[in-house]
Structures are given as structure tokens and as C-alpha cells.
Amino acid sequence: MFDLAQLRCFTTLAAELNFRRAAERLNMTQPPLSRQIQLLEHQLGVTLFTRSTRSVALTAAGRAFFVEAQALLDQAHRAAQSARLAAIGESGALTISFVASAVYDVLPRAITAAKRERPGVDIALLEMSTFEQVQALRARRVDLAIVRAPLQQPGLVSECLLREPFVLAAPAAHPLAQHERPTLEMLHGQPFILYAHTAWQPFNELHTGLFRASGIQPEFVQALGSTLTILSLVNAGMGLALVPRSASAIRFEQVRFRELPLPKGVCGELHLVWRDDNDNPALPSLIAAVRQAARDIYPQN
């Protein structure tokens, strides 16, 4: 079967229709060029050129083959270019998994910056629970995970991306929604919607521990895993909730957000996690973009 070198000899001669000029363009002498053309014709079993002492012309078979040969050379060039760009992280694909709350502010900023810096890299997004993200990392289905709790596991790199305060989410008709400076003590006896207790969600223990340490007993009415679902219930007037401040970007008609003074250690965290053996060249630039987005939002972190 013919090779790319033979195709280059053929297409150059087809363009020049002159052995001397074609050989000069290919930086070779005429005899090797003639042998390459003869070998190609033998392999194809057709005559590609008619030759005389004065002229060279393409046959019908040669004209048909020229179109396909040029396309093959173009494809080979694109393949080589694609490989070079992928090797330096300028093209390729990345998959990011995330907990829902990461998409409110940090992730959109990071994706915008990453696409601006690496427009040739396709970025796919997958919303998953933290447990699902761990499984996806292990199976190499995702390159980068954004989770709420640190993942100190063999083979994974985990770093704290940001820490953000909690804010009070209150139904618009609730008195605390109108209060300029509500305090933690004002939550005592109030209907309250908790985050569900799971191995991968730290907010339940964080909030219940805060209430115990402060001697405050809200009336817990629901425990749910999703910030969006919790805010839906707040919107319906079912109770108050503490949510990460980034969640205040979600707009519900009947939800009001109020700053609440809390101890310094009581905050929500987002963590970046990736495999320590991930060799995707585009990954470092994506991690850098996510870090920068977090610093832009929370410069104190």
C-alpha cells in the first residue's frame, strides 16, 4: 500500500506537471521522484500520468486520484496538528463533575476563563453527588471534581478551593426576613430546614453542632440534600435555613437572604479533587482557572 511520501510526490508532480520543478519543490532529484511515481502506479495498478519528452499530463485515473490524495494529505496534517495541540493542552477534552452549589458562581466564571485561554479544549459538565464523583474519578470518567468535603484517599489529590460564610434564608413573610441584623439566637424555636446527614455532606453536623454549642434549639421540620430543594421549601414558607452565601444567587420570589454573624469556623467549603496520575495536558490550566475564579469571588481565602 502507498505511503504519505508517495502521495506527496504524486500531488506535487500533479500540481507542477514537470519532473524538474516537482523534484526541486520536494528537495530531491528527478530519478528518485520517477521511481516513487512508478512504484505508486504499480501498487495502484493504474497509469496516473502520460509522459512524453515534452510534457506530463494526468490521466483520468490520475485526476480522480489527485482529489483523494490531497484529502488524505490534508487529513494527515490535521491529525498531526491535533496531536501536537493536545500534547500541550491546547486541544482535547476535559470533564468536570460538581455538586450543584458549585455552579452558582465559581464554575461559570472558571469555564468562561478556561474557554478563553484554551478555546480548542472541549469541557463537559456533569452534576453529581460527592459519592458519585468519587466513583467517576476512580473510573476515569471525569478529570476534575468539585465537592463539599475533602477526599483524603489514596490516588486522589484534594485541596480546599474556597471557604464561604452561611447566610440565613427566610420566607419573605417571616419577621426575620425584615430584620436588618438577625442573630443566631433568633433561630431558637423557629421552624428550620436542615441539610440531610450523609457521609459526603458536612453541613448537617456543622449546623447541628453550632446549635448545640450555642444552646439553641430550632424546630427541625425537614432534612434535605439539595440546596435548591431547601430553598424551594423556604420559598413555600415551611421554615428557615442556613445556606452557603453563593446560593443567594438563586432567586426565589418569596425568599430573602440575610447576613448572620456566625463563629469563624462555621463556613461552607468547596474542594477540588483529581487523580494524581491524570496526564491530561489541559488539566493544569483548568485547575488554575477554577482557583482564580474562587480568588476573584472570595479574595480573603
C-alpha atoms as a PDB file:
ATOM      1  CA  MET A   1       0.000   0.000   0.000  1.00  0.00           C
ATOM      2  CA  PHE A   2       1.211   3.503  -0.746  1.00  0.00           C
ATOM      3  CA  ASP A   3       2.540   5.810   1.948  1.00  0.00           C
ATOM      4  CA  LEU A   4       2.350   9.553   2.616  1.00  0.00           C
ATOM      5  CA  ALA A   5       5.721  10.207   0.975  1.00  0.00           C
ATOM      6  CA  GLN A   6       4.443   8.718  -2.274  1.00  0.00           C
ATOM      7  CA  LEU A   7       1.291  10.825  -2.057  1.00  0.00           C
ATOM      8  CA  ARG A   8       3.367  13.988  -1.615  1.00  0.00           C
ATOM      9  CA  CYS A   9       5.447  13.075  -4.675  1.00  0.00           C
ATOM     10  CA  PHE A  10       2.302  12.433  -6.693  1.00  0.00           C
ATOM     11  CA  THR A  11       0.412  15.597  -5.661  1.00  0.00           C
ATOM     12  CA  THR A  12       3.485  17.786  -6.212  1.00  0.00           C
ATOM     13  CA  LEU A  13       4.033  16.382  -9.686  1.00  0.00           C
ATOM     14  CA  ALA A  14       0.319  16.670 -10.429  1.00  0.00           C
ATOM     15  CA  ALA A  15       0.452  20.341  -9.473  1.00  0.00           C
ATOM     16  CA  GLU A  16       3.647  21.130 -11.433  1.00  0.00           C
ATOM     17  CA  LEU A  17       3.290  18.675 -14.359  1.00  0.00           C
ATOM     18  CA  ASN A  18       7.052  18.932 -14.633  1.00  0.00           C
ATOM     19  CA  PHE A  19       9.506  16.462 -13.095  1.00  0.00           C
ATOM     20  CA  ARG A  20      12.318  19.006 -12.650  1.00  0.00           C
ATOM     21  CA  ARG A  21      10.181  21.593 -10.852  1.00  0.00           C
ATOM     22  CA  ALA A  22       8.413  18.938  -8.752  1.00  0.00           C
ATOM     23  CA  ALA A  23      11.761  17.430  -7.717  1.00  0.00           C
ATOM     24  CA  GLU A  24      13.041  20.881  -6.720  1.00  0.00           C
ATOM     25  CA  ARG A  25       9.977  21.512  -4.570  1.00  0.00           C
ATOM     26  CA  LEU A  26      10.478  18.144  -2.882  1.00  0.00           C
ATOM     27  CA  ASN A  27      14.224  18.732  -2.380  1.00  0.00           C
ATOM     28  CA  MET A  28      15.123  15.616  -4.315  1.00  0.00           C
ATOM     29  CA  THR A  29      16.483  14.682  -7.754  1.00  0.00           C
ATOM     30  CA  GLN A  30      14.356  13.531 -10.676  1.00  0.00           C
ATOM     31  CA  PRO A  31      15.287   9.799 -10.703  1.00  0.00           C
ATOM     32  CA  PRO A  32      14.005   9.093  -7.146  1.00  0.00           C
ATOM     33  CA  LEU A  33      10.828  11.057  -7.937  1.00  0.00           C
ATOM     34  CA  SER A  34      10.276   8.963 -11.074  1.00  0.00           C
ATOM     35  CA  ARG A  35      10.774   5.747  -9.081  1.00  0.00           C
ATOM     36  CA  GLN A  36       8.221   6.854  -6.467  1.00  0.00           C
ATOM     37  CA  ILE A  37       5.644   7.589  -9.164  1.00  0.00           C
ATOM     38  CA  GLN A  38       6.298   4.281 -10.914  1.00  0.00           C
ATOM     39  CA  LEU A  39       6.009   2.388  -7.633  1.00  0.00           C
ATOM     40  CA  LEU A  40       2.740   4.149  -6.829  1.00  0.00           C
ATOM     41  CA  GLU A  41       1.296   3.315 -10.258  1.00  0.00           C
ATOM     42  CA  HIS A  42       2.375  -0.294  -9.836  1.00  0.00           C
ATOM     43  CA  GLN A  43       0.721  -0.524  -6.406  1.00  0.00           C
ATOM     44  CA  LEU A  44      -2.495   1.033  -7.680  1.00  0.00           C
ATOM     45  CA  GLY A  45      -2.457  -0.911 -10.936  1.00  0.00           C
ATOM     46  CA  VAL A  46      -3.266   2.198 -12.980  1.00  0.00           C
ATOM     47  CA  THR A  47      -1.394   4.791 -15.021  1.00  0.00           C
ATOM     48  CA  LEU A  48      -1.533   8.182 -13.312  1.00  0.00           C
ATOM     49  CA  PHE A  49       0.439  10.266 -15.814  1.00  0.00           C
ATOM     50  CA  THR A  50       1.058  10.265 -19.551  1.00  0.00           C
ATOM     51  CA  ARG A  51       4.644  11.202 -20.267  1.00  0.00           C
ATOM     52  CA  SER A  52       6.444  12.433 -23.368  1.00  0.00           C
ATOM     53  CA  THR A  53       9.752  14.139 -23.936  1.00  0.00           C
ATOM     54  CA  ARG A  54       7.976  17.482 -23.832  1.00  0.00           C
ATOM     55  CA  SER A  55       5.025  17.137 -21.451  1.00  0.00           C
ATOM     56  CA  VAL A  56       3.494  15.400 -18.436  1.00  0.00           C
ATOM     57  CA  ALA A  57      -0.293  15.126 -18.058  1.00  0.00           C
ATOM     58  CA  LEU A  58      -2.678  13.487 -15.629  1.00  0.00           C
ATOM     59  CA  THR A  59      -4.770  10.591 -16.889  1.00  0.00           C
ATOM     60  CA  ALA A  60      -8.439  10.262 -15.930  1.00  0.00           C
ATOM     61  CA  ALA A  61      -7.355   7.891 -13.143  1.00  0.00           C
ATOM     62  CA  GLY A  62      -4.702  10.424 -12.087  1.00  0.00           C
ATOM     63  CA  ARG A  63      -7.232  13.248 -11.886  1.00  0.00           C
ATOM     64  CA  ALA A  64      -9.565  11.153  -9.745  1.00  0.00           C
ATOM     65  CA  PHE A  65      -6.722  10.015  -7.517  1.00  0.00           C
ATOM     66  CA  PHE A  66      -5.431  13.574  -7.084  1.00  0.00           C
ATOM     67  CA  VAL A  67      -8.615  14.684  -5.313  1.00  0.00           C
ATOM     68  CA  GLU A  68      -8.490  11.811  -2.827  1.00  0.00           C
ATOM     69  CA  ALA A  69      -4.718  12.003  -2.359  1.00  0.00           C
ATOM     70  CA  GLN A  70      -4.921  15.686  -1.472  1.00  0.00           C
ATOM     71  CA  ALA A  71      -7.703  14.956   1.006  1.00  0.00           C
ATOM     72  CA  LEU A  72      -5.591  12.223   2.633  1.00  0.00           C
ATOM     73  CA  LEU A  73      -2.608  14.562   2.985  1.00  0.00           C
ATOM     74  CA  ASP A  74      -4.820  17.270   4.471  1.00  0.00           C
ATOM     75  CA  GLN A  75      -6.263  14.782   6.941  1.00  0.00           C
ATOM     76  CA  ALA A  76      -2.778  13.588   7.899  1.00  0.00           C
ATOM     77  CA  HIS A  77      -1.729  17.198   8.503  1.00  0.00           C
ATOM     78  CA  ARG A  78      -4.785  17.839  10.693  1.00  0.00           C
ATOM     79  CA  ALA A  79      -4.125  14.644  12.652  1.00  0.00           C
ATOM     80  CA  ALA A  80      -0.524  15.658  13.320  1.00  0.00           C
ATOM     81  CA  GLN A  81      -1.566  19.174  14.291  1.00  0.00           C
ATOM     82  CA  SER A  82      -4.255  17.823  16.591  1.00  0.00           C
ATOM     83  CA  ALA A  83      -1.734  15.586  18.326  1.00  0.00           C
ATOM     84  CA  ARG A  84       0.687  18.476  18.821  1.00  0.00           C
ATOM     85  CA  LEU A  85      -2.026  20.739  20.243  1.00  0.00           C
ATOM     86  CA  ALA A  86      -3.318  18.012  22.552  1.00  0.00           C
ATOM     87  CA  ALA A  87       0.206  17.365  23.825  1.00  0.00           C
ATOM     88  CA  ILE A  88       0.498  20.976  25.031  1.00  0.00           C
ATOM     89  CA  GLY A  89      -3.076  21.218  26.309  1.00  0.00           C
ATOM     90  CA  GLU A  90      -4.339  23.483  23.520  1.00  0.00           C
ATOM     91  CA  SER A  91      -6.940  20.986  22.326  1.00  0.00           C
ATOM     92  CA  GLY A  92      -8.670  17.870  23.580  1.00  0.00           C
ATOM     93  CA  ALA A  93     -11.424  17.326  26.111  1.00  0.00           C
ATOM     94  CA  LEU A  94     -11.969  17.640  29.851  1.00  0.00           C
ATOM     95  CA  THR A  95     -14.838  16.542  32.064  1.00  0.00           C
ATOM     96  CA  ILE A  96     -15.708  18.327  35.296  1.00  0.00           C
ATOM     97  CA  SER A  97     -18.112  16.906  37.850  1.00  0.00           C
ATOM     98  CA  PHE A  98     -19.554  19.118  40.551  1.00  0.00           C
ATOM     99  CA  VAL A  99     -22.025  19.415  43.381  1.00  0.00           C
ATOM    100  CA  ALA A 100     -24.937  21.632  42.451  1.00  0.00           C
ATOM    101  CA  SER A 101     -23.919  24.582  44.621  1.00  0.00           C
ATOM    102  CA  ALA A 102     -20.621  24.959  42.742  1.00  0.00           C
ATOM    103  CA  VAL A 103     -22.459  26.033  39.610  1.00  0.00           C
ATOM    104  CA  TYR A 104     -23.941  29.166  41.170  1.00  0.00           C
ATOM    105  CA  ASP A 105     -20.861  31.331  40.758  1.00  0.00           C
ATOM    106  CA  VAL A 106     -17.436  29.666  40.789  1.00  0.00           C
ATOM    107  CA  LEU A 107     -17.891  27.201  37.960  1.00  0.00           C
ATOM    108  CA  PRO A 108     -19.388  29.571  35.362  1.00  0.00           C
ATOM    109  CA  ARG A 109     -16.523  32.007  35.910  1.00  0.00           C
ATOM    110  CA  ALA A 110     -13.943  29.245  35.688  1.00  0.00           C
ATOM    111  CA  ILE A 111     -15.384  27.766  32.483  1.00  0.00           C
ATOM    112  CA  THR A 112     -15.517  31.196  30.829  1.00  0.00           C
ATOM    113  CA  ALA A 113     -11.867  31.830  31.705  1.00  0.00           C
ATOM    114  CA  ALA A 114     -10.763  28.339  30.649  1.00  0.00           C
ATOM    115  CA  LYS A 115     -12.519  28.612  27.269  1.00  0.00           C
ATOM    116  CA  ARG A 116     -10.936  31.999  26.710  1.00  0.00           C
ATOM    117  CA  GLU A 117      -7.452  30.625  27.427  1.00  0.00           C
ATOM    118  CA  ARG A 118      -7.926  27.241  25.709  1.00  0.00           C
ATOM    119  CA  PRO A 119     -10.668  27.632  23.067  1.00  0.00           C
ATOM    120  CA  GLY A 120      -9.693  24.326  21.470  1.00  0.00           C
ATOM    121  CA  VAL A 121     -10.447  22.295  24.602  1.00  0.00           C
ATOM    122  CA  ASP A 122     -13.967  20.878  24.925  1.00  0.00           C
ATOM    123  CA  ILE A 123     -15.254  20.973  28.513  1.00  0.00           C
ATOM    124  CA  ALA A 124     -18.100  18.686  29.578  1.00  0.00           C
ATOM    125  CA  LEU A 125     -20.009  19.254  32.836  1.00  0.00           C
ATOM    126  CA  LEU A 126     -21.627  16.577  34.989  1.00  0.00           C
ATOM    127  CA  GLU A 127     -23.678  17.332  38.102  1.00  0.00           C
ATOM    128  CA  MET A 128     -23.170  14.531  40.645  1.00  0.00           C
ATOM    129  CA  SER A 129     -23.263  13.809  44.333  1.00  0.00           C
ATOM    130  CA  THR A 130     -19.884  13.592  46.044  1.00  0.00           C
ATOM    131  CA  PHE A 131     -20.171   9.802  46.247  1.00  0.00           C
ATOM    132  CA  GLU A 132     -20.853   9.593  42.507  1.00  0.00           C
ATOM    133  CA  GLN A 133     -17.920  11.857  41.815  1.00  0.00           C
ATOM    134  CA  VAL A 134     -15.536   9.607  43.715  1.00  0.00           C
ATOM    135  CA  GLN A 135     -16.681   6.639  41.649  1.00  0.00           C
ATOM    136  CA  ALA A 136     -16.323   8.649  38.435  1.00  0.00           C
ATOM    137  CA  LEU A 137     -12.791   9.709  39.348  1.00  0.00           C
ATOM    138  CA  ARG A 138     -11.840   6.112  40.090  1.00  0.00           C
ATOM    139  CA  ALA A 139     -13.257   5.020  36.728  1.00  0.00           C
ATOM    140  CA  ARG A 140     -11.540   7.941  34.930  1.00  0.00           C
ATOM    141  CA  ARG A 141     -14.874   9.249  33.675  1.00  0.00           C
ATOM    142  CA  VAL A 142     -14.075  12.733  34.987  1.00  0.00           C
ATOM    143  CA  ASP A 143     -10.858  14.752  35.166  1.00  0.00           C
ATOM    144  CA  LEU A 144     -11.742  17.184  37.937  1.00  0.00           C
ATOM    145  CA  ALA A 145     -14.314  17.019  40.729  1.00  0.00           C
ATOM    146  CA  ILE A 146     -15.736  19.825  42.870  1.00  0.00           C
ATOM    147  CA  VAL A 147     -17.106  18.532  46.162  1.00  0.00           C
ATOM    148  CA  ARG A 148     -18.138  19.830  49.560  1.00  0.00           C
ATOM    149  CA  ALA A 149     -15.974  17.608  51.764  1.00  0.00           C
ATOM    150  CA  PRO A 150     -12.242  16.866  51.427  1.00  0.00           C
ATOM    151  CA  LEU A 151     -11.410  13.473  49.950  1.00  0.00           C
ATOM    152  CA  GLN A 152      -8.264  12.107  51.571  1.00  0.00           C
ATOM    153  CA  GLN A 153      -7.981   8.879  49.648  1.00  0.00           C
ATOM    154  CA  PRO A 154      -5.030   7.089  48.020  1.00  0.00           C
ATOM    155  CA  GLY A 155      -4.539   8.140  44.421  1.00  0.00           C
ATOM    156  CA  LEU A 156      -6.536  11.385  44.764  1.00  0.00           C
ATOM    157  CA  VAL A 157      -5.301  14.940  45.229  1.00  0.00           C
ATOM    158  CA  SER A 158      -7.682  17.073  47.293  1.00  0.00           C
ATOM    159  CA  GLU A 159      -7.357  20.775  48.045  1.00  0.00           C
ATOM    160  CA  CYS A 160      -9.663  23.326  49.597  1.00  0.00           C
ATOM    161  CA  LEU A 161     -10.826  25.680  46.874  1.00  0.00           C
ATOM    162  CA  LEU A 162     -12.717  28.198  48.981  1.00  0.00           C
ATOM    163  CA  ARG A 163     -14.478  28.841  52.258  1.00  0.00           C
ATOM    164  CA  GLU A 164     -17.676  30.868  52.271  1.00  0.00           C
ATOM    165  CA  PRO A 165     -19.983  32.020  55.058  1.00  0.00           C
ATOM    166  CA  PHE A 166     -23.518  30.805  55.527  1.00  0.00           C
ATOM    167  CA  VAL A 167     -26.417  33.195  55.193  1.00  0.00           C
ATOM    168  CA  LEU A 168     -29.939  32.948  56.543  1.00  0.00           C
ATOM    169  CA  ALA A 169     -32.630  32.130  54.006  1.00  0.00           C
ATOM    170  CA  ALA A 170     -36.049  33.192  55.257  1.00  0.00           C
ATOM    171  CA  PRO A 171     -39.570  33.262  53.789  1.00  0.00           C
ATOM    172  CA  ALA A 172     -40.440  36.798  52.740  1.00  0.00           C
ATOM    173  CA  ALA A 173     -43.328  36.913  55.233  1.00  0.00           C
ATOM    174  CA  HIS A 174     -41.205  35.786  58.186  1.00  0.00           C
ATOM    175  CA  PRO A 175     -40.202  38.519  60.686  1.00  0.00           C
ATOM    176  CA  LEU A 176     -36.504  37.660  60.320  1.00  0.00           C
ATOM    177  CA  ALA A 177     -36.716  38.425  56.604  1.00  0.00           C
ATOM    178  CA  GLN A 178     -37.417  42.039  57.577  1.00  0.00           C
ATOM    179  CA  HIS A 179     -34.817  42.180  60.341  1.00  0.00           C
ATOM    180  CA  GLU A 180     -31.719  44.182  59.419  1.00  0.00           C
ATOM    181  CA  ARG A 181     -29.358  42.299  61.725  1.00  0.00           C
ATOM    182  CA  PRO A 182     -30.739  38.930  62.763  1.00  0.00           C
ATOM    183  CA  THR A 183     -28.723  36.887  65.237  1.00  0.00           C
ATOM    184  CA  LEU A 184     -28.270  33.171  65.745  1.00  0.00           C
ATOM    185  CA  GLU A 185     -30.297  33.305  68.975  1.00  0.00           C
ATOM    186  CA  MET A 186     -33.325  34.421  66.979  1.00  0.00           C
ATOM    187  CA  LEU A 187     -33.477  30.954  65.376  1.00  0.00           C
ATOM    188  CA  HIS A 188     -34.444  29.347  68.701  1.00  0.00           C
ATOM    189  CA  GLY A 189     -37.820  27.633  68.396  1.00  0.00           C
ATOM    190  CA  GLN A 190     -38.189  28.610  64.736  1.00  0.00           C
ATOM    191  CA  PRO A 191     -39.093  26.054  62.019  1.00  0.00           C
ATOM    192  CA  PHE A 192     -35.817  25.123  60.400  1.00  0.00           C
ATOM    193  CA  ILE A 193     -34.858  23.084  57.323  1.00  0.00           C
ATOM    194  CA  LEU A 194     -31.625  21.128  57.717  1.00  0.00           C
ATOM    195  CA  TYR A 195     -29.272  19.561  55.253  1.00  0.00           C
ATOM    196  CA  ALA A 196     -29.567  15.786  55.283  1.00  0.00           C
ATOM    197  CA  HIS A 197     -26.970  13.794  57.198  1.00  0.00           C
ATOM    198  CA  THR A 198     -24.744  11.866  54.782  1.00  0.00           C
ATOM    199  CA  ALA A 199     -21.141  10.731  54.744  1.00  0.00           C
ATOM    200  CA  TRP A 200     -20.388  13.221  51.958  1.00  0.00           C
ATOM    201  CA  GLN A 201     -22.316  16.270  53.166  1.00  0.00           C
ATOM    202  CA  PRO A 202     -20.775  18.080  56.175  1.00  0.00           C
ATOM    203  CA  PHE A 203     -23.438  20.767  56.643  1.00  0.00           C
ATOM    204  CA  ASN A 204     -25.773  18.731  58.854  1.00  0.00           C
ATOM    205  CA  GLU A 205     -23.173  18.096  61.544  1.00  0.00           C
ATOM    206  CA  LEU A 206     -21.817  21.608  61.173  1.00  0.00           C
ATOM    207  CA  HIS A 207     -25.205  23.236  61.777  1.00  0.00           C
ATOM    208  CA  THR A 208     -26.474  20.904  64.486  1.00  0.00           C
ATOM    209  CA  GLY A 209     -23.127  21.235  66.272  1.00  0.00           C
ATOM    210  CA  LEU A 210     -23.420  25.015  66.072  1.00  0.00           C
ATOM    211  CA  PHE A 211     -26.889  24.935  67.596  1.00  0.00           C
ATOM    212  CA  ARG A 212     -25.817  22.596  70.412  1.00  0.00           C
ATOM    213  CA  ALA A 213     -22.780  24.725  71.258  1.00  0.00           C
ATOM    214  CA  SER A 214     -24.917  27.863  71.300  1.00  0.00           C
ATOM    215  CA  GLY A 215     -27.738  26.332  73.346  1.00  0.00           C
ATOM    216  CA  ILE A 216     -30.216  26.997  70.560  1.00  0.00           C
ATOM    217  CA  GLN A 217     -32.991  24.605  69.592  1.00  0.00           C
ATOM    218  CA  PRO A 218     -34.772  25.346  66.322  1.00  0.00           C
ATOM    219  CA  GLU A 219     -37.723  23.180  65.350  1.00  0.00           C
ATOM    220  CA  PHE A 220     -36.326  20.900  62.649  1.00  0.00           C
ATOM    221  CA  VAL A 221     -39.060  20.279  60.103  1.00  0.00           C
ATOM    222  CA  GLN A 222     -37.157  18.700  57.174  1.00  0.00           C
ATOM    223  CA  ALA A 223     -33.707  17.384  56.297  1.00  0.00           C
ATOM    224  CA  LEU A 224     -32.827  17.512  52.582  1.00  0.00           C
ATOM    225  CA  GLY A 225     -29.716  17.001  50.481  1.00  0.00           C
ATOM    226  CA  SER A 226     -30.068  19.732  47.877  1.00  0.00           C
ATOM    227  CA  THR A 227     -29.678  23.474  48.430  1.00  0.00           C
ATOM    228  CA  LEU A 228     -32.141  24.114  45.623  1.00  0.00           C
ATOM    229  CA  THR A 229     -34.759  21.889  47.277  1.00  0.00           C
ATOM    230  CA  ILE A 230     -34.189  23.526  50.655  1.00  0.00           C
ATOM    231  CA  LEU A 231     -34.710  26.973  49.148  1.00  0.00           C
ATOM    232  CA  SER A 232     -37.864  25.725  47.438  1.00  0.00           C
ATOM    233  CA  LEU A 233     -39.290  24.844  50.848  1.00  0.00           C
ATOM    234  CA  VAL A 234     -38.183  28.179  52.278  1.00  0.00           C
ATOM    235  CA  ASN A 235     -39.945  29.815  49.343  1.00  0.00           C
ATOM    236  CA  ALA A 236     -43.086  27.878  50.288  1.00  0.00           C
ATOM    237  CA  GLY A 237     -42.897  29.291  53.833  1.00  0.00           C
ATOM    238  CA  MET A 238     -42.035  25.987  55.541  1.00  0.00           C
ATOM    239  CA  GLY A 239     -39.092  27.299  57.522  1.00  0.00           C
ATOM    240  CA  LEU A 240     -35.717  28.990  57.748  1.00  0.00           C
ATOM    241  CA  ALA A 241     -32.394  27.606  56.524  1.00  0.00           C
ATOM    242  CA  LEU A 242     -28.687  28.296  56.554  1.00  0.00           C
ATOM    243  CA  VAL A 243     -27.186  28.039  53.067  1.00  0.00           C
ATOM    244  CA  PRO A 244     -23.797  28.933  51.563  1.00  0.00           C
ATOM    245  CA  ARG A 245     -23.675  32.564  50.540  1.00  0.00           C
ATOM    246  CA  SER A 246     -23.173  31.630  46.874  1.00  0.00           C
ATOM    247  CA  ALA A 247     -26.683  30.163  46.951  1.00  0.00           C
ATOM    248  CA  SER A 248     -28.079  33.685  47.334  1.00  0.00           C
ATOM    249  CA  ALA A 249     -27.569  33.959  43.574  1.00  0.00           C
ATOM    250  CA  ILE A 250     -30.611  31.673  43.220  1.00  0.00           C
ATOM    251  CA  ARG A 251     -33.683  33.843  43.009  1.00  0.00           C
ATOM    252  CA  PHE A 252     -36.972  32.749  44.544  1.00  0.00           C
ATOM    253  CA  GLU A 253     -39.812  35.227  44.729  1.00  0.00           C
ATOM    254  CA  GLN A 254     -40.546  34.532  48.406  1.00  0.00           C
ATOM    255  CA  VAL A 255     -37.008  34.014  49.740  1.00  0.00           C
ATOM    256  CA  ARG A 256     -34.944  36.707  51.437  1.00  0.00           C
ATOM    257  CA  PHE A 257     -31.281  36.317  52.371  1.00  0.00           C
ATOM    258  CA  ARG A 258     -29.813  37.918  55.485  1.00  0.00           C
ATOM    259  CA  GLU A 259     -26.257  38.010  56.805  1.00  0.00           C
ATOM    260  CA  LEU A 260     -25.955  36.177  60.112  1.00  0.00           C
ATOM    261  CA  PRO A 261     -22.974  36.583  62.465  1.00  0.00           C
ATOM    262  CA  LEU A 262     -21.530  33.098  62.990  1.00  0.00           C
ATOM    263  CA  PRO A 263     -18.320  31.770  64.545  1.00  0.00           C
ATOM    264  CA  LYS A 264     -15.371  31.964  62.149  1.00  0.00           C
ATOM    265  CA  GLY A 265     -15.018  28.209  61.725  1.00  0.00           C
ATOM    266  CA  VAL A 266     -18.638  27.749  60.681  1.00  0.00           C
ATOM    267  CA  CYS A 267     -18.435  28.063  56.916  1.00  0.00           C
ATOM    268  CA  GLY A 268     -19.068  26.091  53.784  1.00  0.00           C
ATOM    269  CA  GLU A 269     -16.161  24.687  51.797  1.00  0.00           C
ATOM    270  CA  LEU A 270     -15.621  23.583  48.233  1.00  0.00           C
ATOM    271  CA  HIS A 271     -12.794  21.193  47.433  1.00  0.00           C
ATOM    272  CA  LEU A 272     -11.069  20.360  44.157  1.00  0.00           C
ATOM    273  CA  VAL A 273     -10.209  16.699  43.617  1.00  0.00           C
ATOM    274  CA  TRP A 274      -8.364  14.958  40.798  1.00  0.00           C
ATOM    275  CA  ARG A 275      -6.388  11.785  40.228  1.00  0.00           C
ATOM    276  CA  ASP A 276      -2.678  12.097  40.953  1.00  0.00           C
ATOM    277  CA  ASP A 277      -1.925  10.128  37.760  1.00  0.00           C
ATOM    278  CA  ASN A 278      -4.113  12.197  35.431  1.00  0.00           C
ATOM    279  CA  ASP A 279      -1.883  13.058  32.454  1.00  0.00           C
ATOM    280  CA  ASN A 280      -4.370  15.215  30.523  1.00  0.00           C
ATOM    281  CA  PRO A 281      -2.214  18.209  29.459  1.00  0.00           C
ATOM    282  CA  ALA A 282      -5.219  20.544  29.616  1.00  0.00           C
ATOM    283  CA  LEU A 283      -5.969  19.763  33.282  1.00  0.00           C
ATOM    284  CA  PRO A 284      -3.442  22.147  34.938  1.00  0.00           C
ATOM    285  CA  SER A 285      -4.826  25.176  33.091  1.00  0.00           C
ATOM    286  CA  LEU A 286      -8.368  24.225  34.089  1.00  0.00           C
ATOM    287  CA  ILE A 287      -7.375  23.850  37.745  1.00  0.00           C
ATOM    288  CA  ALA A 288      -5.692  27.255  37.560  1.00  0.00           C
ATOM    289  CA  ALA A 289      -8.851  28.804  36.086  1.00  0.00           C
ATOM    290  CA  VAL A 290     -11.034  27.356  38.863  1.00  0.00           C
ATOM    291  CA  ARG A 291      -8.620  28.573  41.533  1.00  0.00           C
ATOM    292  CA  GLN A 292      -8.578  32.064  40.043  1.00  0.00           C
ATOM    293  CA  ALA A 293     -12.372  32.171  39.858  1.00  0.00           C
ATOM    294  CA  ALA A 294     -12.520  31.284  43.555  1.00  0.00           C
ATOM    295  CA  ARG A 295      -9.995  34.014  44.420  1.00  0.00           C
ATOM    296  CA  ASP A 296     -11.990  36.562  42.423  1.00  0.00           C
ATOM    297  CA  ILE A 297     -15.125  35.768  44.414  1.00  0.00           C
ATOM    298  CA  TYR A 298     -13.523  35.280  47.831  1.00  0.00           C
ATOM    299  CA  PRO A 299     -10.177  37.137  47.821  1.00  0.00           C
ATOM    300  CA  GLN A 300      -9.792  36.545  51.549  1.00  0.00           C
ATOM    301  CA  ASN A 301      -9.443  32.770  51.031  1.00  0.00           C
END
